[in-house]
């Protein structure tokens, strides 16, 4: 049975680690991740952004970041950026008017053959190249 891969953007990961006054976002992000462990995709950009923000906000120490990085590589499909992914990102940026960083995320999701990209800050419901749907999981509640 084919399992559709999903891509989870940095902001969703951060909600899953940081309890804020928006408890619902924390709970939804945790639920999304915990219930899709066999099909989660991310990119090295996501690992960098999540690690940086958890360190910057003093939520994780260096040992916890090391554990997190190892966990990402153990449980997720990882896209390493290369010339092809960056060229695709440029084309997507031109076609869809994404920011630079969002276009790299979308290109990574496409290259990993994901069908859904979960992100809070991109256009909810947008379908890219008849393959990838952007979903804001917080709009589903």
C-alpha atoms as a PDB file:
ATOM      1  CA  UNK A   1       0.000   0.000   0.000  1.00  0.00           C
ATOM      2  CA  UNK A   2       1.381   3.380  -1.033  1.00  0.00           C
ATOM      3  CA  UNK A   3       1.699   5.934   1.740  1.00  0.00           C
ATOM      4  CA  UNK A   4       1.532   9.564   0.680  1.00  0.00           C
ATOM      5  CA  UNK A   5       4.408  11.588   2.035  1.00  0.00           C
ATOM      6  CA  UNK A   6       3.734  14.830   3.831  1.00  0.00           C
ATOM      7  CA  UNK A   7       6.094  17.747   4.331  1.00  0.00           C
ATOM      8  CA  UNK A   8       5.975  19.618   7.636  1.00  0.00           C
ATOM      9  CA  UNK A   9       7.263  23.194   7.616  1.00  0.00           C
ATOM     10  CA  UNK A  10       9.359  24.681  10.422  1.00  0.00           C
ATOM     11  CA  UNK A  11       6.526  26.638  11.994  1.00  0.00           C
ATOM     12  CA  UNK A  12       4.507  23.473  12.665  1.00  0.00           C
ATOM     13  CA  UNK A  13       7.525  21.771  14.250  1.00  0.00           C
ATOM     14  CA  UNK A  14       8.113  24.788  16.469  1.00  0.00           C
ATOM     15  CA  UNK A  15       4.507  24.766  17.670  1.00  0.00           C
ATOM     16  CA  UNK A  16       4.974  21.100  18.619  1.00  0.00           C
ATOM     17  CA  UNK A  17       7.937  21.954  20.864  1.00  0.00           C
ATOM     18  CA  UNK A  18       6.886  25.293  22.328  1.00  0.00           C
ATOM     19  CA  UNK A  19       3.858  25.584  24.567  1.00  0.00           C
ATOM     20  CA  UNK A  20       2.470  29.059  24.056  1.00  0.00           C
ATOM     21  CA  UNK A  21      -0.798  30.705  25.054  1.00  0.00           C
ATOM     22  CA  UNK A  22      -2.107  29.143  21.820  1.00  0.00           C
ATOM     23  CA  UNK A  23      -2.371  25.668  23.370  1.00  0.00           C
ATOM     24  CA  UNK A  24      -4.565  24.451  20.515  1.00  0.00           C
ATOM     25  CA  UNK A  25      -1.744  25.000  18.019  1.00  0.00           C
ATOM     26  CA  UNK A  26       0.643  23.053  20.247  1.00  0.00           C
ATOM     27  CA  UNK A  27      -1.807  20.163  20.528  1.00  0.00           C
ATOM     28  CA  UNK A  28      -2.658  20.114  16.815  1.00  0.00           C
ATOM     29  CA  UNK A  29       1.003  20.237  15.785  1.00  0.00           C
ATOM     30  CA  UNK A  30       1.889  17.379  18.169  1.00  0.00           C
ATOM     31  CA  UNK A  31      -1.059  15.336  16.917  1.00  0.00           C
ATOM     32  CA  UNK A  32      -0.137  15.907  13.259  1.00  0.00           C
ATOM     33  CA  UNK A  33       3.446  14.785  13.822  1.00  0.00           C
ATOM     34  CA  UNK A  34       2.662  11.843  16.105  1.00  0.00           C
ATOM     35  CA  UNK A  35       0.021  10.446  13.741  1.00  0.00           C
ATOM     36  CA  UNK A  36       2.155  10.620  10.590  1.00  0.00           C
ATOM     37  CA  UNK A  37       5.539   9.351  11.741  1.00  0.00           C
ATOM     38  CA  UNK A  38       5.990   6.933   8.835  1.00  0.00           C
ATOM     39  CA  UNK A  39       5.532   9.514   6.090  1.00  0.00           C
ATOM     40  CA  UNK A  40       7.010  12.824   7.290  1.00  0.00           C
ATOM     41  CA  UNK A  41       9.404  14.660   4.998  1.00  0.00           C
ATOM     42  CA  UNK A  42      11.510  17.707   5.759  1.00  0.00           C
ATOM     43  CA  UNK A  43      14.533  19.472   4.339  1.00  0.00           C
ATOM     44  CA  UNK A  44      17.830  20.505   5.821  1.00  0.00           C
ATOM     45  CA  UNK A  45      16.393  24.044   5.818  1.00  0.00           C
ATOM     46  CA  UNK A  46      13.667  22.902   8.232  1.00  0.00           C
ATOM     47  CA  UNK A  47      16.224  21.223  10.495  1.00  0.00           C
ATOM     48  CA  UNK A  48      18.293  24.424  10.522  1.00  0.00           C
ATOM     49  CA  UNK A  49      15.344  26.722  11.218  1.00  0.00           C
ATOM     50  CA  UNK A  50      13.892  24.553  13.985  1.00  0.00           C
ATOM     51  CA  UNK A  51      17.271  24.057  15.664  1.00  0.00           C
ATOM     52  CA  UNK A  52      18.141  27.741  15.471  1.00  0.00           C
ATOM     53  CA  UNK A  53      14.828  28.873  16.956  1.00  0.00           C
ATOM     54  CA  UNK A  54      14.819  26.304  19.765  1.00  0.00           C
ATOM     55  CA  UNK A  55      18.330  27.369  20.750  1.00  0.00           C
ATOM     56  CA  UNK A  56      17.622  31.085  20.355  1.00  0.00           C
ATOM     57  CA  UNK A  57      14.556  30.879  22.596  1.00  0.00           C
ATOM     58  CA  UNK A  58      16.474  28.785  25.163  1.00  0.00           C
ATOM     59  CA  UNK A  59      13.988  25.943  24.874  1.00  0.00           C
ATOM     60  CA  UNK A  60      16.578  23.311  23.929  1.00  0.00           C
ATOM     61  CA  UNK A  61      20.208  23.058  24.942  1.00  0.00           C
ATOM     62  CA  UNK A  62      22.939  21.795  22.628  1.00  0.00           C
ATOM     63  CA  UNK A  63      22.520  18.145  23.670  1.00  0.00           C
ATOM     64  CA  UNK A  64      18.783  18.306  23.005  1.00  0.00           C
ATOM     65  CA  UNK A  65      19.445  19.817  19.570  1.00  0.00           C
ATOM     66  CA  UNK A  66      21.843  16.984  18.798  1.00  0.00           C
ATOM     67  CA  UNK A  67      19.169  14.455  19.805  1.00  0.00           C
ATOM     68  CA  UNK A  68      16.591  16.291  17.698  1.00  0.00           C
ATOM     69  CA  UNK A  69      18.822  16.306  14.619  1.00  0.00           C
ATOM     70  CA  UNK A  70      19.508  12.588  14.992  1.00  0.00           C
ATOM     71  CA  UNK A  71      15.791  11.954  15.456  1.00  0.00           C
ATOM     72  CA  UNK A  72      14.957  13.871  12.276  1.00  0.00           C
ATOM     73  CA  UNK A  73      17.422  11.754  10.305  1.00  0.00           C
ATOM     74  CA  UNK A  74      16.093   8.556  11.860  1.00  0.00           C
ATOM     75  CA  UNK A  75      12.373   9.172  11.351  1.00  0.00           C
ATOM     76  CA  UNK A  76      11.987  11.578   8.408  1.00  0.00           C
ATOM     77  CA  UNK A  77      12.700  11.623   4.708  1.00  0.00           C
ATOM     78  CA  UNK A  78      15.265  14.431   4.302  1.00  0.00           C
ATOM     79  CA  UNK A  79      15.832  16.636   1.241  1.00  0.00           C
ATOM     80  CA  UNK A  80      19.349  18.008   0.926  1.00  0.00           C
ATOM     81  CA  UNK A  81      19.440  21.085  -1.259  1.00  0.00           C
ATOM     82  CA  UNK A  82      21.306  20.877  -4.527  1.00  0.00           C
ATOM     83  CA  UNK A  83      21.455  22.785  -7.792  1.00  0.00           C
ATOM     84  CA  UNK A  84      18.287  21.151  -9.144  1.00  0.00           C
ATOM     85  CA  UNK A  85      16.232  21.950  -6.051  1.00  0.00           C
ATOM     86  CA  UNK A  86      17.409  25.560  -6.009  1.00  0.00           C
ATOM     87  CA  UNK A  87      16.678  26.012  -9.731  1.00  0.00           C
ATOM     88  CA  UNK A  88      13.210  24.552  -9.162  1.00  0.00           C
ATOM     89  CA  UNK A  89      12.754  26.957  -6.249  1.00  0.00           C
ATOM     90  CA  UNK A  90      13.569  29.899  -8.552  1.00  0.00           C
ATOM     91  CA  UNK A  91      10.973  28.731 -11.078  1.00  0.00           C
ATOM     92  CA  UNK A  92       8.361  28.259  -8.354  1.00  0.00           C
ATOM     93  CA  UNK A  93       9.109  31.694  -6.932  1.00  0.00           C
ATOM     94  CA  UNK A  94       8.479  33.232 -10.330  1.00  0.00           C
ATOM     95  CA  UNK A  95       5.304  31.184 -11.005  1.00  0.00           C
ATOM     96  CA  UNK A  96       3.671  31.483  -7.577  1.00  0.00           C
ATOM     97  CA  UNK A  97       5.290  34.628  -6.107  1.00  0.00           C
ATOM     98  CA  UNK A  98       6.603  32.790  -3.041  1.00  0.00           C
ATOM     99  CA  UNK A  99       9.283  34.246  -0.818  1.00  0.00           C
ATOM    100  CA  UNK A 100      12.759  32.852  -1.407  1.00  0.00           C
ATOM    101  CA  UNK A 101      12.644  30.556   1.634  1.00  0.00           C
ATOM    102  CA  UNK A 102       9.087  29.361   0.982  1.00  0.00           C
ATOM    103  CA  UNK A 103       9.998  28.492  -2.606  1.00  0.00           C
ATOM    104  CA  UNK A 104      12.872  26.331  -1.350  1.00  0.00           C
ATOM    105  CA  UNK A 105      10.475  24.548   1.037  1.00  0.00           C
ATOM    106  CA  UNK A 106       7.965  23.917  -1.774  1.00  0.00           C
ATOM    107  CA  UNK A 107      10.719  22.685  -4.110  1.00  0.00           C
ATOM    108  CA  UNK A 108      11.925  20.291  -1.419  1.00  0.00           C
ATOM    109  CA  UNK A 109       8.411  18.933  -0.886  1.00  0.00           C
ATOM    110  CA  UNK A 110       8.000  18.400  -4.633  1.00  0.00           C
ATOM    111  CA  UNK A 111      11.352  16.658  -4.969  1.00  0.00           C
ATOM    112  CA  UNK A 112      10.429  14.339  -2.088  1.00  0.00           C
ATOM    113  CA  UNK A 113       7.189  13.502  -3.952  1.00  0.00           C
ATOM    114  CA  UNK A 114       4.999  14.809  -1.135  1.00  0.00           C
ATOM    115  CA  UNK A 115       1.293  15.306  -1.692  1.00  0.00           C
ATOM    116  CA  UNK A 116       0.691  17.673   1.231  1.00  0.00           C
ATOM    117  CA  UNK A 117       2.764  20.525   2.646  1.00  0.00           C
ATOM    118  CA  UNK A 118       1.665  21.573   6.127  1.00  0.00           C
ATOM    119  CA  UNK A 119       2.535  25.196   6.812  1.00  0.00           C
ATOM    120  CA  UNK A 120       0.894  27.994   8.707  1.00  0.00           C
ATOM    121  CA  UNK A 121       2.210  30.831   6.584  1.00  0.00           C
ATOM    122  CA  UNK A 122       1.613  29.841   2.964  1.00  0.00           C
ATOM    123  CA  UNK A 123      -1.515  29.973   0.822  1.00  0.00           C
ATOM    124  CA  UNK A 124      -3.932  27.398   2.298  1.00  0.00           C
ATOM    125  CA  UNK A 125      -5.426  25.165  -0.397  1.00  0.00           C
ATOM    126  CA  UNK A 126      -2.991  26.093  -3.165  1.00  0.00           C
ATOM    127  CA  UNK A 127      -2.137  23.145  -5.407  1.00  0.00           C
ATOM    128  CA  UNK A 128       1.359  23.167  -6.906  1.00  0.00           C
ATOM    129  CA  UNK A 129       2.108  21.309 -10.159  1.00  0.00           C
ATOM    130  CA  UNK A 130      -0.972  19.089  -9.712  1.00  0.00           C
ATOM    131  CA  UNK A 131       0.954  17.199  -7.020  1.00  0.00           C
ATOM    132  CA  UNK A 132       1.307  19.183  -3.810  1.00  0.00           C
ATOM    133  CA  UNK A 133      -1.436  20.834  -1.753  1.00  0.00           C
ATOM    134  CA  UNK A 134      -0.526  23.446   0.836  1.00  0.00           C
ATOM    135  CA  UNK A 135      -2.544  22.974   4.014  1.00  0.00           C
ATOM    136  CA  UNK A 136      -2.679  25.177   7.085  1.00  0.00           C
ATOM    137  CA  UNK A 137      -3.585  22.573   9.731  1.00  0.00           C
ATOM    138  CA  UNK A 138      -4.923  25.280  12.019  1.00  0.00           C
ATOM    139  CA  UNK A 139      -7.569  26.268   9.466  1.00  0.00           C
ATOM    140  CA  UNK A 140      -8.967  22.737   9.578  1.00  0.00           C
ATOM    141  CA  UNK A 141     -10.350  23.156  13.103  1.00  0.00           C
END
